Amino acid sequence: MVADNVDTLVADAVQAARPGDQLLCMGNGRLGGIHDKLLAALAQR
C-alpha cells in the first residue's frame, strides 16, 4: 500500500484487513506513530 500520509495509510490498511490477516509495519523509526494508530483503528472495528 502507498499513501501520502500515515492517517490515510492506516485507514486504507484497516479497510483492506480481513479476519486472520497479519499486518507488518517495517521502517526506520516511529513512522509517524503508525503502530499505535493502526492498533487503535483495528480495535475500533
PDB file of N, CA and C in Angstrom:
ATOM      1  N   MET A   1       0.828  -1.166   0.000  1.00  0.00           N
ATOM      2  CA  MET A   1       0.000   0.000   0.000  1.00  0.00           C
ATOM      3  C   MET A   1       0.880   1.239   0.000  1.00  0.00           C
ATOM      4  N   VAL A   2       0.414   2.274  -0.657  1.00  0.00           N
ATOM      5  CA  VAL A   2       1.128   3.546  -0.705  1.00  0.00           C
ATOM      6  C   VAL A   2       0.130   4.650  -0.382  1.00  0.00           C
ATOM      7  N   ALA A   3       0.544   5.622   0.432  1.00  0.00           N
ATOM      8  CA  ALA A   3      -0.313   6.756   0.767  1.00  0.00           C
ATOM      9  C   ALA A   3       0.551   7.987   0.998  1.00  0.00           C
ATOM     10  N   ASP A   4      -0.091   9.148   0.949  1.00  0.00           N
ATOM     11  CA  ASP A   4       0.618  10.411   1.152  1.00  0.00           C
ATOM     12  C   ASP A   4       0.870  10.728   2.617  1.00  0.00           C
ATOM     13  N   ASN A   5       0.098  10.093   3.519  1.00  0.00           N
ATOM     14  CA  ASN A   5       0.296  10.352   4.936  1.00  0.00           C
ATOM     15  C   ASN A   5      -0.104   9.129   5.757  1.00  0.00           C
ATOM     16  N   VAL A   6       0.287   9.132   7.008  1.00  0.00           N
ATOM     17  CA  VAL A   6       0.075   7.977   7.888  1.00  0.00           C
ATOM     18  C   VAL A   6      -1.405   7.707   8.115  1.00  0.00           C
ATOM     19  N   ASP A   7      -2.199   8.742   8.305  1.00  0.00           N
ATOM     20  CA  ASP A   7      -3.620   8.533   8.594  1.00  0.00           C
ATOM     21  C   ASP A   7      -4.344   7.866   7.427  1.00  0.00           C
ATOM     22  N   THR A   8      -4.013   8.263   6.212  1.00  0.00           N
ATOM     23  CA  THR A   8      -4.610   7.631   5.037  1.00  0.00           C
ATOM     24  C   THR A   8      -4.155   6.190   4.920  1.00  0.00           C
ATOM     25  N   LEU A   9      -2.890   5.940   5.176  1.00  0.00           N
ATOM     26  CA  LEU A   9      -2.361   4.582   5.114  1.00  0.00           C
ATOM     27  C   LEU A   9      -3.043   3.676   6.131  1.00  0.00           C
ATOM     28  N   VAL A  10      -3.233   4.174   7.341  1.00  0.00           N
ATOM     29  CA  VAL A  10      -3.916   3.399   8.386  1.00  0.00           C
ATOM     30  C   VAL A  10      -5.354   3.103   7.967  1.00  0.00           C
ATOM     31  N   ALA A  11      -6.058   4.111   7.494  1.00  0.00           N
ATOM     32  CA  ALA A  11      -7.455   3.915   7.078  1.00  0.00           C
ATOM     33  C   ALA A  11      -7.557   2.893   5.954  1.00  0.00           C
ATOM     34  N   ASP A  12      -6.659   2.972   4.985  1.00  0.00           N
ATOM     35  CA  ASP A  12      -6.675   2.018   3.872  1.00  0.00           C
ATOM     36  C   ASP A  12      -6.361   0.603   4.348  1.00  0.00           C
ATOM     37  N   ALA A  13      -5.379   0.472   5.243  1.00  0.00           N
ATOM     38  CA  ALA A  13      -5.000  -0.852   5.748  1.00  0.00           C
ATOM     39  C   ALA A  13      -6.126  -1.475   6.554  1.00  0.00           C
ATOM     40  N   VAL A  14      -6.777  -0.677   7.389  1.00  0.00           N
ATOM     41  CA  VAL A  14      -7.880  -1.191   8.214  1.00  0.00           C
ATOM     42  C   VAL A  14      -9.045  -1.612   7.330  1.00  0.00           C
ATOM     43  N   GLN A  15      -9.323  -0.849   6.301  1.00  0.00           N
ATOM     44  CA  GLN A  15     -10.412  -1.194   5.388  1.00  0.00           C
ATOM     45  C   GLN A  15     -10.113  -2.484   4.628  1.00  0.00           C
ATOM     46  N   ALA A  16      -8.860  -2.704   4.271  1.00  0.00           N
ATOM     47  CA  ALA A  16      -8.488  -3.882   3.483  1.00  0.00           C
ATOM     48  C   ALA A  16      -8.294  -5.133   4.336  1.00  0.00           C
ATOM     49  N   ALA A  17      -8.014  -4.954   5.627  1.00  0.00           N
ATOM     50  CA  ALA A  17      -7.711  -6.091   6.501  1.00  0.00           C
ATOM     51  C   ALA A  17      -8.944  -6.960   6.724  1.00  0.00           C
ATOM     52  N   ARG A  18      -8.722  -8.259   6.716  1.00  0.00           N
ATOM     53  CA  ARG A  18      -9.771  -9.254   6.948  1.00  0.00           C
ATOM     54  C   ARG A  18      -9.369 -10.122   8.133  1.00  0.00           C
ATOM     55  N   PRO A  19     -10.337 -10.750   8.803  1.00  0.00           N
ATOM     56  CA  PRO A  19     -10.002 -11.623   9.922  1.00  0.00           C
ATOM     57  C   PRO A  19      -8.947 -12.657   9.510  1.00  0.00           C
ATOM     58  N   GLY A  20      -7.953 -12.814  10.348  1.00  0.00           N
ATOM     59  CA  GLY A  20      -6.877 -13.759  10.083  1.00  0.00           C
ATOM     60  C   GLY A  20      -5.689 -13.155   9.370  1.00  0.00           C
ATOM     61  N   ASP A  21      -5.836 -11.938   8.832  1.00  0.00           N
ATOM     62  CA  ASP A  21      -4.711 -11.270   8.169  1.00  0.00           C
ATOM     63  C   ASP A  21      -3.651 -10.886   9.196  1.00  0.00           C
ATOM     64  N   GLN A  22      -2.436 -10.797   8.741  1.00  0.00           N
ATOM     65  CA  GLN A  22      -1.336 -10.301   9.558  1.00  0.00           C
ATOM     66  C   GLN A  22      -0.770  -9.076   8.861  1.00  0.00           C
ATOM     67  N   LEU A  23      -0.608  -7.990   9.622  1.00  0.00           N
ATOM     68  CA  LEU A  23      -0.081  -6.749   9.070  1.00  0.00           C
ATOM     69  C   LEU A  23       1.340  -6.549   9.579  1.00  0.00           C
ATOM     70  N   LEU A  24       2.220  -6.145   8.688  1.00  0.00           N
ATOM     71  CA  LEU A  24       3.623  -5.931   9.027  1.00  0.00           C
ATOM     72  C   LEU A  24       3.995  -4.498   8.720  1.00  0.00           C
ATOM     73  N   CYS A  25       4.502  -3.801   9.727  1.00  0.00           N
ATOM     74  CA  CYS A  25       5.000  -2.430   9.552  1.00  0.00           C
ATOM     75  C   CYS A  25       6.514  -2.462   9.678  1.00  0.00           C
ATOM     76  N   MET A  26       7.181  -2.050   8.625  1.00  0.00           N
ATOM     77  CA  MET A  26       8.637  -2.020   8.651  1.00  0.00           C
ATOM     78  C   MET A  26       9.102  -0.603   8.338  1.00  0.00           C
ATOM     79  N   GLY A  27      10.079  -0.159   9.066  1.00  0.00           N
ATOM     80  CA  GLY A  27      10.590   1.172   8.798  1.00  0.00           C
ATOM     81  C   GLY A  27      11.731   1.516   9.735  1.00  0.00           C
ATOM     82  N   ASN A  28      12.193   2.721   9.587  1.00  0.00           N
ATOM     83  CA  ASN A  28      13.313   3.212  10.363  1.00  0.00           C
ATOM     84  C   ASN A  28      12.794   4.306  11.298  1.00  0.00           C
ATOM     85  N   GLY A  29      12.372   3.939  12.474  1.00  0.00           N
ATOM     86  CA  GLY A  29      11.858   4.915  13.418  1.00  0.00           C
ATOM     87  C   GLY A  29      10.394   4.696  13.727  1.00  0.00           C
ATOM     88  N   ARG A  30       9.748   5.721  14.241  1.00  0.00           N
ATOM     89  CA  ARG A  30       8.367   5.634  14.717  1.00  0.00           C
ATOM     90  C   ARG A  30       7.339   5.681  13.597  1.00  0.00           C
ATOM     91  N   LEU A  31       7.717   6.113  12.422  1.00  0.00           N
ATOM     92  CA  LEU A  31       6.813   6.145  11.263  1.00  0.00           C
ATOM     93  C   LEU A  31       5.538   6.930  11.546  1.00  0.00           C
ATOM     94  N   GLY A  32       5.665   8.053  12.213  1.00  0.00           N
ATOM     95  CA  GLY A  32       4.512   8.901  12.469  1.00  0.00           C
ATOM     96  C   GLY A  32       3.510   8.308  13.432  1.00  0.00           C
ATOM     97  N   GLY A  33       3.940   7.375  14.263  1.00  0.00           N
ATOM     98  CA  GLY A  33       3.041   6.752  15.236  1.00  0.00           C
ATOM     99  C   GLY A  33       2.111   5.718  14.619  1.00  0.00           C
ATOM    100  N   ILE A  34       2.491   5.183  13.466  1.00  0.00           N
ATOM    101  CA  ILE A  34       1.613   4.263  12.739  1.00  0.00           C
ATOM    102  C   ILE A  34       1.244   3.029  13.558  1.00  0.00           C
ATOM    103  N   HIS A  35       2.146   2.523  14.375  1.00  0.00           N
ATOM    104  CA  HIS A  35       1.861   1.310  15.136  1.00  0.00           C
ATOM    105  C   HIS A  35       0.675   1.521  16.071  1.00  0.00           C
ATOM    106  N   ASP A  36       0.725   2.595  16.844  1.00  0.00           N
ATOM    107  CA  ASP A  36      -0.363   2.887  17.788  1.00  0.00           C
ATOM    108  C   ASP A  36      -1.659   3.223  17.049  1.00  0.00           C
ATOM    109  N   LYS A  37      -1.558   3.984  15.972  1.00  0.00           N
ATOM    110  CA  LYS A  37      -2.741   4.371  15.208  1.00  0.00           C
ATOM    111  C   LYS A  37      -3.399   3.133  14.561  1.00  0.00           C
ATOM    112  N   LEU A  38      -2.585   2.256  14.059  1.00  0.00           N
ATOM    113  CA  LEU A  38      -3.105   1.052  13.419  1.00  0.00           C
ATOM    114  C   LEU A  38      -3.795   0.145  14.443  1.00  0.00           C
ATOM    115  N   LEU A  39      -3.165  -0.055  15.579  1.00  0.00           N
ATOM    116  CA  LEU A  39      -3.770  -0.889  16.616  1.00  0.00           C
ATOM    117  C   LEU A  39      -5.079  -0.281  17.124  1.00  0.00           C
ATOM    118  N   ALA A  40      -5.121   1.034  17.298  1.00  0.00           N
ATOM    119  CA  ALA A  40      -6.338   1.694  17.775  1.00  0.00           C
ATOM    120  C   ALA A  40      -7.459   1.573  16.729  1.00  0.00           C
ATOM    121  N   ALA A  41      -7.126   1.768  15.477  1.00  0.00           N
ATOM    122  CA  ALA A  41      -8.148   1.689  14.417  1.00  0.00           C
ATOM    123  C   ALA A  41      -8.676   0.276  14.267  1.00  0.00           C
ATOM    124  N   LEU A  42      -7.812  -0.714  14.371  1.00  0.00           N
ATOM    125  CA  LEU A  42      -8.252  -2.100  14.282  1.00  0.00           C
ATOM    126  C   LEU A  42      -9.124  -2.483  15.475  1.00  0.00           C
ATOM    127  N   ALA A  43      -8.814  -1.956  16.654  1.00  0.00           N
ATOM    128  CA  ALA A  43      -9.599  -2.254  17.850  1.00  0.00           C
ATOM    129  C   ALA A  43     -11.006  -1.665  17.758  1.00  0.00           C
ATOM    130  N   GLN A  44     -11.185  -0.592  17.002  1.00  0.00           N
ATOM    131  CA  GLN A  44     -12.490   0.057  16.877  1.00  0.00           C
ATOM    132  C   GLN A  44     -13.381  -0.620  15.871  1.00  0.00           C
ATOM    133  N   ARG A  45     -12.839  -1.530  15.068  1.00  0.00           N
ATOM    134  CA  ARG A  45     -13.630  -2.209  14.044  1.00  0.00           C
ATOM    135  C   ARG A  45     -14.677  -3.072  14.608  1.00  0.00           C
TER     136      ARG A  45
END
